């Protein structure tokens, strides 16, 4: 059966959309040579922190002590690592809640921390640099961190590079969820999705 040019155009568009829906086979940022990995993790619930799958809650307004609901992933040493995940702040009457950390296990502790203030400002805890204002309640935000151990750590928000930080060598691990910073407090509820890891 002969199809009109318009029908062929519709079919071509549908085919392109179906390919997009399938998603890319490689990392979202800095493509090239990445190998997908599946590191193990431990769930951390402390103080008023609660974890339910990929939903992380701080149920209190306590402005002191260890209030956290997180996943802590396996330690890595050397090479290049990429993390990707999307978060949505479902509710937050508190402020200054850490969302994603790269932790220097063999060094001084929290090496890079991405946090959110009430109102949606995303910032680097160490140094206080504003990275984006995309973290408003109900918005979905994609985060990528690319870590070349011993060289550099780069952070992307919704595909745009927003932060670069020199990296020492040693052992590191990734964490994400909801964690009270030293100047923060809950309550807050954050849901993560699309979490992936790569190495090269």
N, C-alpha and C. Protein backbone atom coordinates (compact mmCIF):
# COMPACT_ATOMS: atom_id res chain seq x y z
N UNK A 1 0.84 -1.18 0.00
CA UNK A 1 0.00 0.00 0.00
C UNK A 1 0.88 1.24 0.00
N UNK A 2 0.53 2.19 -0.84
CA UNK A 2 1.31 3.41 -0.95
C UNK A 2 0.90 4.38 0.16
N UNK A 3 1.90 4.95 0.86
CA UNK A 3 1.59 5.88 1.94
C UNK A 3 1.94 7.29 1.53
N UNK A 4 1.17 8.23 2.05
CA UNK A 4 1.40 9.63 1.73
C UNK A 4 2.66 10.13 2.43
N UNK A 5 3.27 11.21 1.92
CA UNK A 5 4.44 11.77 2.61
C UNK A 5 4.17 12.12 4.06
N UNK A 6 2.93 12.60 4.33
CA UNK A 6 2.61 12.95 5.72
C UNK A 6 2.61 11.71 6.61
N UNK A 7 2.05 10.59 6.11
CA UNK A 7 2.04 9.35 6.90
C UNK A 7 3.45 8.86 7.15
N UNK A 8 4.31 8.95 6.13
CA UNK A 8 5.69 8.52 6.30
C UNK A 8 6.41 9.39 7.33
N UNK A 9 6.12 10.69 7.33
CA UNK A 9 6.75 11.59 8.30
C UNK A 9 6.31 11.25 9.72
N UNK A 10 5.01 10.93 9.88
CA UNK A 10 4.51 10.56 11.20
C UNK A 10 5.18 9.28 11.68
N UNK A 11 5.31 8.29 10.80
CA UNK A 11 5.96 7.04 11.17
C UNK A 11 7.41 7.26 11.54
N UNK A 12 8.10 8.11 10.79
CA UNK A 12 9.50 8.40 11.10
C UNK A 12 9.64 9.07 12.46
N UNK A 13 8.73 10.00 12.74
CA UNK A 13 8.75 10.67 14.05
C UNK A 13 8.50 9.68 15.18
N UNK A 14 7.52 8.79 14.97
CA UNK A 14 7.20 7.78 15.99
C UNK A 14 8.40 6.88 16.24
N UNK A 15 9.10 6.52 15.17
CA UNK A 15 10.28 5.67 15.33
C UNK A 15 11.37 6.37 16.11
N UNK A 16 11.58 7.66 15.82
CA UNK A 16 12.60 8.42 16.54
C UNK A 16 12.25 8.54 18.02
N UNK A 17 10.96 8.78 18.31
CA UNK A 17 10.53 8.89 19.70
C UNK A 17 10.71 7.58 20.45
N UNK A 18 10.45 6.46 19.78
CA UNK A 18 10.62 5.17 20.45
C UNK A 18 12.08 4.91 20.77
N UNK A 19 13.00 5.38 19.89
CA UNK A 19 14.42 5.23 20.18
C UNK A 19 14.83 6.10 21.36
N UNK A 20 14.28 7.32 21.42
CA UNK A 20 14.57 8.19 22.56
C UNK A 20 14.07 7.59 23.85
N UNK A 21 12.88 6.99 23.81
CA UNK A 21 12.29 6.41 25.02
C UNK A 21 13.15 5.28 25.55
N UNK A 22 13.86 4.59 24.64
CA UNK A 22 14.71 3.49 25.08
C UNK A 22 15.91 3.99 25.86
N UNK A 23 16.30 5.27 25.62
CA UNK A 23 17.38 5.90 26.37
C UNK A 23 18.73 5.55 25.80
N UNK A 24 19.76 6.33 26.17
CA UNK A 24 21.10 6.09 25.67
C UNK A 24 21.72 4.86 26.30
N UNK A 25 22.63 4.23 25.58
CA UNK A 25 23.28 3.03 26.09
C UNK A 25 24.50 3.37 26.92
N UNK A 26 24.92 4.64 26.91
CA UNK A 26 26.11 5.04 27.64
C UNK A 26 25.78 6.17 28.61
N UNK A 27 26.81 6.64 29.31
CA UNK A 27 26.62 7.66 30.33
C UNK A 27 26.06 8.94 29.73
N UNK A 28 25.35 9.71 30.56
CA UNK A 28 24.70 10.92 30.10
C UNK A 28 25.68 12.06 29.83
N UNK A 29 26.78 12.15 30.57
CA UNK A 29 27.73 13.23 30.36
C UNK A 29 29.12 12.64 30.14
N UNK A 30 29.97 13.40 29.47
CA UNK A 30 31.34 12.98 29.17
C UNK A 30 31.38 11.56 28.61
N UNK A 31 30.68 11.30 27.52
CA UNK A 31 30.62 9.93 26.99
C UNK A 31 31.97 9.45 26.48
N UNK A 32 32.09 8.14 26.41
CA UNK A 32 33.29 7.55 25.84
C UNK A 32 34.02 6.62 26.79
N UNK A 33 33.91 5.33 26.54
CA UNK A 33 34.70 4.35 27.28
C UNK A 33 34.18 3.96 28.64
N UNK A 34 32.99 4.37 29.01
CA UNK A 34 32.45 4.05 30.33
C UNK A 34 31.92 2.62 30.36
N UNK A 35 32.12 1.95 31.48
CA UNK A 35 31.62 0.60 31.72
C UNK A 35 30.64 0.67 32.88
N UNK A 36 29.42 0.17 32.66
CA UNK A 36 28.40 0.21 33.71
C UNK A 36 28.81 -0.68 34.88
N UNK A 37 28.58 -0.20 36.10
CA UNK A 37 28.88 -0.98 37.31
C UNK A 37 27.67 -0.98 38.23
N UNK A 38 27.68 -1.91 39.17
CA UNK A 38 26.58 -2.02 40.14
C UNK A 38 27.17 -2.19 41.54
N UNK A 39 27.71 -1.12 42.12
CA UNK A 39 28.29 -1.25 43.46
C UNK A 39 27.23 -1.57 44.50
N UNK A 40 27.64 -2.29 45.54
CA UNK A 40 26.74 -2.56 46.65
C UNK A 40 26.56 -1.32 47.52
N UNK A 41 25.58 -1.38 48.40
CA UNK A 41 25.33 -0.23 49.28
C UNK A 41 24.77 -0.69 50.62
N UNK A 42 24.91 0.19 51.60
CA UNK A 42 24.28 0.03 52.91
C UNK A 42 23.33 1.18 53.14
N UNK A 43 22.19 0.90 53.77
CA UNK A 43 21.24 1.95 54.13
C UNK A 43 21.62 2.50 55.50
N UNK A 44 21.65 3.83 55.61
CA UNK A 44 21.98 4.49 56.86
C UNK A 44 20.79 5.31 57.34
N UNK A 45 20.28 4.96 58.51
CA UNK A 45 19.19 5.70 59.16
C UNK A 45 19.67 6.11 60.54
N UNK A 46 19.78 7.40 60.77
CA UNK A 46 20.22 7.88 62.07
C UNK A 46 19.33 9.04 62.51
N UNK A 47 19.20 9.19 63.83
CA UNK A 47 18.32 10.24 64.34
C UNK A 47 16.91 10.02 63.83
N UNK A 48 16.34 11.06 63.21
CA UNK A 48 14.97 10.96 62.71
C UNK A 48 14.94 10.61 61.22
N UNK A 49 16.05 10.05 60.68
CA UNK A 49 16.09 9.66 59.28
C UNK A 49 15.35 8.36 59.02
N UNK A 50 14.61 8.32 57.92
CA UNK A 50 13.87 7.12 57.51
C UNK A 50 14.08 6.89 56.03
N UNK A 51 14.35 5.62 55.66
CA UNK A 51 14.55 5.25 54.27
C UNK A 51 13.49 4.23 53.88
N UNK A 52 12.80 4.50 52.76
CA UNK A 52 11.81 3.59 52.20
C UNK A 52 12.11 3.46 50.72
N UNK A 53 12.92 2.45 50.34
CA UNK A 53 13.33 2.31 48.96
C UNK A 53 14.21 3.48 48.56
N UNK A 54 13.76 4.29 47.61
CA UNK A 54 14.52 5.46 47.17
C UNK A 54 13.90 6.77 47.67
N UNK A 55 13.06 6.67 48.71
CA UNK A 55 12.52 7.86 49.36
C UNK A 55 13.19 8.02 50.72
N UNK A 56 13.70 9.22 50.97
CA UNK A 56 14.51 9.51 52.14
C UNK A 56 13.86 10.65 52.92
N UNK A 57 13.62 10.43 54.21
CA UNK A 57 12.91 11.42 55.02
C UNK A 57 13.68 11.79 56.27
N UNK A 58 13.66 13.08 56.59
CA UNK A 58 14.01 13.57 57.91
C UNK A 58 12.72 14.08 58.52
N UNK A 59 12.28 13.45 59.58
CA UNK A 59 10.93 13.72 60.09
C UNK A 59 10.91 14.75 61.21
N UNK A 60 12.08 15.25 61.64
CA UNK A 60 12.12 16.18 62.76
C UNK A 60 12.75 17.50 62.32
N UNK A 61 12.62 18.50 63.18
CA UNK A 61 13.23 19.81 62.93
C UNK A 61 14.46 20.03 63.80
N UNK A 62 15.02 18.94 64.32
CA UNK A 62 16.19 19.02 65.18
C UNK A 62 17.37 19.61 64.43
N UNK A 63 17.97 20.66 65.00
CA UNK A 63 19.08 21.36 64.34
C UNK A 63 20.43 20.97 64.92
N UNK A 64 20.49 19.78 65.53
CA UNK A 64 21.75 19.28 66.07
C UNK A 64 21.75 17.76 65.96
N UNK A 65 22.90 17.18 66.15
CA UNK A 65 23.00 15.72 66.11
C UNK A 65 23.03 15.18 64.70
N UNK A 66 23.09 13.86 64.62
CA UNK A 66 23.24 13.15 63.35
C UNK A 66 21.86 12.74 62.83
N UNK A 67 21.32 13.53 61.91
CA UNK A 67 20.01 13.27 61.33
C UNK A 67 20.23 12.91 59.85
N UNK A 68 20.06 11.65 59.51
CA UNK A 68 20.37 11.25 58.14
C UNK A 68 19.53 10.06 57.69
N UNK A 69 19.25 10.05 56.38
CA UNK A 69 18.61 8.93 55.69
C UNK A 69 19.32 8.81 54.35
N UNK A 70 20.16 7.79 54.19
CA UNK A 70 21.07 7.75 53.04
C UNK A 70 21.32 6.32 52.57
N UNK A 71 21.85 6.23 51.35
CA UNK A 71 22.52 5.03 50.86
C UNK A 71 24.01 5.32 50.77
N UNK A 72 24.81 4.44 51.32
CA UNK A 72 26.26 4.55 51.27
C UNK A 72 26.77 3.42 50.38
N UNK A 73 27.43 3.78 49.27
CA UNK A 73 27.88 2.80 48.28
C UNK A 73 29.31 2.34 48.55
N UNK A 74 29.70 1.26 47.87
CA UNK A 74 31.01 0.65 48.08
C UNK A 74 32.15 1.63 47.79
N UNK A 75 33.25 1.41 48.49
CA UNK A 75 34.45 2.22 48.32
C UNK A 75 35.11 1.94 46.97
N UNK A 76 35.67 3.00 46.36
CA UNK A 76 36.47 2.83 45.15
C UNK A 76 37.81 3.55 45.33
N UNK A 77 38.81 3.08 44.60
CA UNK A 77 40.15 3.66 44.68
C UNK A 77 40.71 3.74 43.27
N UNK A 78 41.07 4.94 42.83
CA UNK A 78 41.71 5.12 41.54
C UNK A 78 40.75 5.11 40.37
N UNK A 79 41.24 5.52 39.21
CA UNK A 79 40.46 5.53 37.99
C UNK A 79 39.46 6.66 37.94
N UNK A 80 38.50 6.53 37.04
CA UNK A 80 37.44 7.53 36.86
C UNK A 80 36.10 6.88 37.13
N UNK A 81 35.24 7.59 37.84
CA UNK A 81 33.92 7.09 38.22
C UNK A 81 32.86 8.12 37.87
N UNK A 82 31.73 7.65 37.39
CA UNK A 82 30.61 8.55 37.13
C UNK A 82 29.36 8.05 37.85
N UNK A 83 28.72 8.97 38.54
CA UNK A 83 27.42 8.74 39.19
C UNK A 83 26.36 9.53 38.45
N UNK A 84 25.18 8.94 38.31
CA UNK A 84 24.03 9.67 37.79
C UNK A 84 22.80 9.30 38.60
N UNK A 85 21.99 10.28 38.92
CA UNK A 85 20.72 10.06 39.60
C UNK A 85 19.88 11.31 39.52
N UNK A 86 18.59 11.14 39.64
CA UNK A 86 17.66 12.27 39.65
C UNK A 86 16.96 12.32 40.99
N UNK A 87 16.85 13.52 41.53
CA UNK A 87 16.14 13.67 42.80
C UNK A 87 14.96 14.62 42.63
N UNK A 88 13.98 14.45 43.49
CA UNK A 88 12.83 15.36 43.59
C UNK A 88 12.61 15.67 45.06
N UNK A 89 12.65 16.94 45.41
CA UNK A 89 12.30 17.34 46.78
C UNK A 89 10.78 17.32 46.87
N UNK A 90 10.25 16.35 47.58
CA UNK A 90 8.79 16.22 47.70
C UNK A 90 8.22 17.24 48.68
N UNK A 91 8.96 17.51 49.74
CA UNK A 91 8.53 18.51 50.71
C UNK A 91 9.76 18.93 51.51
N UNK A 92 9.76 20.18 51.96
CA UNK A 92 10.86 20.64 52.80
C UNK A 92 10.45 21.90 53.54
N UNK A 93 10.16 21.73 54.82
CA UNK A 93 9.93 22.89 55.66
C UNK A 93 11.20 23.23 56.43
N UNK A 94 12.21 22.36 56.34
CA UNK A 94 13.53 22.67 56.87
C UNK A 94 14.37 23.34 55.79
N UNK A 95 15.70 23.26 55.94
CA UNK A 95 16.59 23.87 54.96
C UNK A 95 17.99 23.29 55.10
N UNK A 96 18.81 23.50 54.07
CA UNK A 96 20.22 23.11 54.05
C UNK A 96 20.39 21.61 54.31
N UNK A 97 19.81 20.84 53.40
CA UNK A 97 19.83 19.39 53.47
C UNK A 97 20.77 18.85 52.38
N UNK A 98 21.74 18.04 52.79
CA UNK A 98 22.65 17.43 51.83
C UNK A 98 21.94 16.33 51.05
N UNK A 99 22.15 16.32 49.74
CA UNK A 99 21.49 15.36 48.84
C UNK A 99 22.46 14.31 48.32
N UNK A 100 23.66 14.73 47.94
CA UNK A 100 24.65 13.83 47.32
C UNK A 100 26.03 14.16 47.88
N UNK A 101 26.77 13.11 48.25
CA UNK A 101 28.12 13.31 48.77
C UNK A 101 29.10 12.42 48.02
N UNK A 102 30.31 12.93 47.81
CA UNK A 102 31.47 12.10 47.49
C UNK A 102 32.35 12.17 48.72
N UNK A 103 32.55 11.04 49.36
CA UNK A 103 33.19 10.99 50.68
C UNK A 103 34.62 10.48 50.53
N UNK A 104 35.58 11.20 51.12
CA UNK A 104 36.99 10.82 51.08
C UNK A 104 37.29 9.92 52.28
N UNK A 105 37.17 8.63 52.06
CA UNK A 105 37.28 7.68 53.16
C UNK A 105 38.68 7.70 53.79
N UNK A 106 39.71 7.83 52.96
CA UNK A 106 41.08 7.80 53.48
C UNK A 106 41.61 9.21 53.77
N UNK A 107 40.72 10.19 53.73
CA UNK A 107 41.15 11.57 53.96
C UNK A 107 40.35 12.26 55.03
N UNK A 108 39.82 13.45 54.70
CA UNK A 108 39.19 14.31 55.71
C UNK A 108 37.68 14.16 55.80
N UNK A 109 37.11 13.15 55.16
CA UNK A 109 35.66 12.92 55.28
C UNK A 109 34.88 13.43 54.10
N UNK A 110 33.78 14.17 54.34
CA UNK A 110 32.95 14.65 53.22
C UNK A 110 33.75 15.59 52.32
N UNK A 111 34.12 15.09 51.15
CA UNK A 111 34.98 15.84 50.23
C UNK A 111 34.16 16.77 49.34
N UNK A 112 33.02 16.26 48.83
CA UNK A 112 32.09 17.11 48.08
C UNK A 112 30.68 16.82 48.56
N UNK A 113 29.92 17.88 48.85
CA UNK A 113 28.54 17.73 49.28
C UNK A 113 27.66 18.68 48.50
N UNK A 114 26.64 18.13 47.84
CA UNK A 114 25.61 18.92 47.16
C UNK A 114 24.42 19.02 48.10
N UNK A 115 23.99 20.25 48.40
CA UNK A 115 22.88 20.44 49.34
C UNK A 115 21.86 21.40 48.74
N UNK A 116 20.68 21.41 49.37
CA UNK A 116 19.58 22.26 48.90
C UNK A 116 19.05 23.09 50.07
N UNK A 117 18.76 24.35 49.80
CA UNK A 117 18.10 25.22 50.76
C UNK A 117 16.61 25.30 50.44
N UNK A 118 15.83 25.61 51.46
CA UNK A 118 14.41 25.87 51.21
C UNK A 118 14.30 27.01 50.19
N UNK A 119 13.52 26.80 49.16
CA UNK A 119 13.44 27.75 48.06
C UNK A 119 14.08 27.23 46.79
N UNK A 120 14.95 26.19 46.91
CA UNK A 120 15.47 25.52 45.72
C UNK A 120 16.90 25.78 45.36
N UNK A 121 17.63 26.61 46.12
CA UNK A 121 19.04 26.83 45.78
C UNK A 121 19.86 25.58 46.06
N UNK A 122 20.56 25.09 45.03
CA UNK A 122 21.50 23.99 45.17
C UNK A 122 22.89 24.58 45.30
N UNK A 123 23.67 24.08 46.26
CA UNK A 123 24.98 24.68 46.51
C UNK A 123 25.98 23.62 46.97
N UNK A 124 27.27 23.97 46.81
CA UNK A 124 28.35 23.13 47.32
C UNK A 124 28.59 23.52 48.77
N UNK A 125 28.45 22.55 49.67
CA UNK A 125 28.56 22.86 51.10
C UNK A 125 29.92 23.46 51.42
N UNK A 126 30.99 22.88 50.88
CA UNK A 126 32.33 23.42 51.13
C UNK A 126 32.59 24.56 50.16
N UNK A 127 32.56 25.77 50.68
CA UNK A 127 32.74 26.96 49.87
C UNK A 127 31.47 27.73 49.64
N UNK A 128 30.32 27.05 49.68
CA UNK A 128 29.03 27.73 49.58
C UNK A 128 28.62 28.17 48.19
N UNK A 129 29.33 27.73 47.15
CA UNK A 129 29.03 28.17 45.79
C UNK A 129 27.65 27.73 45.34
N UNK A 130 26.86 28.66 44.80
CA UNK A 130 25.56 28.32 44.22
C UNK A 130 25.80 27.57 42.91
N UNK A 131 25.17 26.41 42.76
CA UNK A 131 25.32 25.60 41.56
C UNK A 131 24.10 25.68 40.65
N UNK A 132 22.92 25.91 41.23
CA UNK A 132 21.68 25.97 40.45
C UNK A 132 20.58 26.44 41.39
N UNK A 133 19.47 26.88 40.81
CA UNK A 133 18.27 27.17 41.59
C UNK A 133 17.13 26.23 41.20
N UNK A 134 17.51 25.04 40.69
CA UNK A 134 16.54 24.09 40.14
C UNK A 134 15.89 23.19 41.19
N UNK A 135 16.34 23.25 42.45
CA UNK A 135 15.88 22.28 43.44
C UNK A 135 14.60 22.65 44.16
N UNK A 136 13.65 23.24 43.46
CA UNK A 136 12.38 23.61 44.08
C UNK A 136 11.53 22.38 44.35
N UNK A 137 10.62 22.50 45.29
CA UNK A 137 9.74 21.38 45.65
C UNK A 137 8.96 20.93 44.42
N UNK A 138 9.00 19.62 44.15
CA UNK A 138 8.26 19.03 43.04
C UNK A 138 9.02 18.93 41.74
N UNK A 139 10.17 19.62 41.62
CA UNK A 139 10.96 19.58 40.38
C UNK A 139 11.90 18.38 40.41
N UNK A 140 12.07 17.72 39.26
CA UNK A 140 13.02 16.62 39.14
C UNK A 140 14.32 17.16 38.57
N UNK A 141 15.42 16.86 39.24
CA UNK A 141 16.74 17.40 38.89
C UNK A 141 17.71 16.24 38.70
N UNK A 142 18.41 16.22 37.56
CA UNK A 142 19.40 15.17 37.31
C UNK A 142 20.78 15.64 37.76
N UNK A 143 21.47 14.78 38.48
CA UNK A 143 22.81 15.07 38.98
C UNK A 143 23.78 14.04 38.41
N UNK A 144 24.89 14.51 37.86
CA UNK A 144 26.01 13.65 37.49
C UNK A 144 27.25 14.16 38.20
N UNK A 145 28.03 13.24 38.76
CA UNK A 145 29.36 13.59 39.24
C UNK A 145 30.36 12.70 38.50
N UNK A 146 31.42 13.30 38.01
CA UNK A 146 32.50 12.58 37.34
C UNK A 146 33.76 12.80 38.17
N UNK A 147 34.34 11.71 38.64
CA UNK A 147 35.46 11.81 39.57
C UNK A 147 36.68 11.11 38.98
N UNK A 148 37.69 11.88 38.62
CA UNK A 148 38.99 11.35 38.23
C UNK A 148 39.86 11.39 39.48
N UNK A 149 39.99 10.24 40.14
CA UNK A 149 40.67 10.19 41.44
C UNK A 149 42.12 10.66 41.28
N UNK A 150 42.53 11.58 42.15
CA UNK A 150 43.87 12.13 42.09
C UNK A 150 44.00 13.30 41.15
N UNK A 151 42.88 13.70 40.51
CA UNK A 151 42.94 14.80 39.55
C UNK A 151 41.81 15.81 39.76
N UNK A 152 40.55 15.39 39.50
CA UNK A 152 39.46 16.37 39.46
C UNK A 152 38.11 15.70 39.70
N UNK A 153 37.20 16.47 40.28
CA UNK A 153 35.81 16.05 40.51
C UNK A 153 34.92 17.10 39.86
N UNK A 154 34.00 16.65 38.98
CA UNK A 154 33.13 17.58 38.24
C UNK A 154 31.68 17.23 38.52
N UNK A 155 30.86 18.26 38.68
CA UNK A 155 29.43 18.08 38.97
C UNK A 155 28.62 18.72 37.87
N UNK A 156 27.59 18.00 37.42
CA UNK A 156 26.66 18.46 36.39
C UNK A 156 25.25 18.48 36.97
N UNK A 157 24.51 19.53 36.69
CA UNK A 157 23.10 19.62 37.03
C UNK A 157 22.31 19.71 35.73
N UNK A 158 21.40 18.76 35.53
CA UNK A 158 20.60 18.69 34.30
C UNK A 158 21.47 18.80 33.05
N UNK A 159 22.63 18.13 33.09
CA UNK A 159 23.51 18.05 31.94
C UNK A 159 24.50 19.19 31.78
N UNK A 160 24.42 20.22 32.62
CA UNK A 160 25.34 21.36 32.53
C UNK A 160 26.39 21.30 33.64
N UNK A 161 27.63 21.46 33.26
CA UNK A 161 28.71 21.43 34.25
C UNK A 161 28.65 22.68 35.11
N UNK A 162 28.59 22.49 36.44
CA UNK A 162 28.40 23.63 37.34
C UNK A 162 29.48 23.75 38.42
N UNK A 163 30.32 22.73 38.55
CA UNK A 163 31.30 22.77 39.64
C UNK A 163 32.48 21.88 39.29
N UNK A 164 33.69 22.38 39.57
CA UNK A 164 34.92 21.62 39.37
C UNK A 164 35.79 21.78 40.61
N UNK A 165 36.35 20.67 41.06
CA UNK A 165 37.05 20.66 42.34
C UNK A 165 38.26 19.75 42.20
N UNK A 166 39.44 20.22 42.62
CA UNK A 166 40.64 19.38 42.56
C UNK A 166 40.48 18.18 43.49
N UNK A 167 40.98 17.03 43.05
CA UNK A 167 40.81 15.80 43.83
C UNK A 167 42.14 15.23 44.27
N UNK A 168 42.25 14.89 45.54
CA UNK A 168 43.41 14.12 45.99
C UNK A 168 43.25 12.66 45.59
N UNK A 169 44.27 11.88 45.82
CA UNK A 169 44.16 10.45 45.66
C UNK A 169 43.54 9.81 46.89
N UNK A 170 43.45 8.49 46.88
CA UNK A 170 42.92 7.78 48.03
C UNK A 170 41.65 7.03 47.74
N UNK A 171 40.92 6.69 48.78
CA UNK A 171 39.70 5.90 48.70
C UNK A 171 38.48 6.80 48.91
N UNK A 172 37.44 6.58 48.10
CA UNK A 172 36.24 7.40 48.14
C UNK A 172 35.00 6.51 48.05
N UNK A 173 33.84 7.09 48.37
CA UNK A 173 32.57 6.43 48.09
C UNK A 173 31.48 7.46 47.89
N UNK A 174 30.42 7.03 47.21
CA UNK A 174 29.26 7.88 46.93
C UNK A 174 28.17 7.64 47.96
N UNK A 175 27.45 8.72 48.31
CA UNK A 175 26.27 8.64 49.18
C UNK A 175 25.21 9.56 48.60
N UNK A 176 23.95 9.19 48.76
CA UNK A 176 22.87 10.12 48.43
C UNK A 176 21.68 9.84 49.33
N UNK A 177 20.78 10.81 49.42
CA UNK A 177 19.60 10.68 50.26
C UNK A 177 19.22 12.03 50.81
N UNK A 178 19.07 12.13 52.13
CA UNK A 178 18.75 13.38 52.82
C UNK A 178 19.51 13.38 54.14
N UNK A 179 20.36 14.39 54.33
CA UNK A 179 21.26 14.43 55.48
C UNK A 179 21.34 15.87 55.99
N UNK A 180 21.13 16.07 57.28
CA UNK A 180 21.21 17.40 57.86
C UNK A 180 22.65 17.90 57.85
N UNK A 181 22.89 19.04 57.17
CA UNK A 181 24.21 19.66 57.26
C UNK A 181 24.37 20.31 58.63
N UNK A 182 25.59 20.77 58.92
CA UNK A 182 25.85 21.38 60.22
C UNK A 182 24.97 22.60 60.49
N UNK A 183 24.56 23.29 59.43
CA UNK A 183 23.73 24.49 59.59
C UNK A 183 22.28 24.26 59.18
N UNK A 184 21.89 22.99 58.98
CA UNK A 184 20.56 22.69 58.47
C UNK A 184 19.66 22.00 59.47
N UNK A 185 18.43 21.74 59.04
CA UNK A 185 17.44 21.02 59.84
C UNK A 185 16.31 20.58 58.92
N UNK A 186 15.65 19.47 59.29
CA UNK A 186 14.47 19.03 58.59
C UNK A 186 13.26 19.80 59.09
N UNK A 187 12.06 19.29 58.79
CA UNK A 187 11.76 18.08 58.02
C UNK A 187 12.01 18.26 56.51
N UNK A 188 12.24 17.12 55.86
CA UNK A 188 12.41 17.10 54.41
C UNK A 188 12.16 15.68 53.91
N UNK A 189 11.59 15.60 52.71
CA UNK A 189 11.40 14.31 52.04
C UNK A 189 11.94 14.45 50.62
N UNK A 190 12.83 13.52 50.25
CA UNK A 190 13.48 13.54 48.94
C UNK A 190 13.36 12.15 48.32
N UNK A 191 12.96 12.10 47.05
CA UNK A 191 12.88 10.84 46.33
C UNK A 191 13.89 10.85 45.18
N UNK A 192 14.69 9.79 45.10
CA UNK A 192 15.68 9.63 44.03
C UNK A 192 15.19 8.61 43.01
N UNK A 193 15.69 8.70 41.79
CA UNK A 193 15.35 7.75 40.73
C UNK A 193 16.48 7.71 39.71
N UNK A 194 16.47 6.70 38.84
CA UNK A 194 17.41 6.62 37.73
C UNK A 194 18.86 6.56 38.15
N UNK A 195 19.16 5.90 39.25
CA UNK A 195 20.53 5.88 39.77
C UNK A 195 21.36 4.90 38.96
N UNK A 196 22.53 5.38 38.47
CA UNK A 196 23.43 4.55 37.68
C UNK A 196 24.88 4.91 38.02
N UNK A 197 25.78 3.94 37.79
CA UNK A 197 27.20 4.15 38.03
C UNK A 197 28.00 3.60 36.85
N UNK A 198 29.11 4.27 36.56
CA UNK A 198 30.05 3.79 35.54
C UNK A 198 31.47 3.99 36.01
N UNK A 199 32.40 3.27 35.37
CA UNK A 199 33.84 3.46 35.60
C UNK A 199 34.57 3.38 34.27
N UNK A 200 35.79 3.90 34.27
CA UNK A 200 36.67 3.72 33.11
C UNK A 200 38.12 3.87 33.54
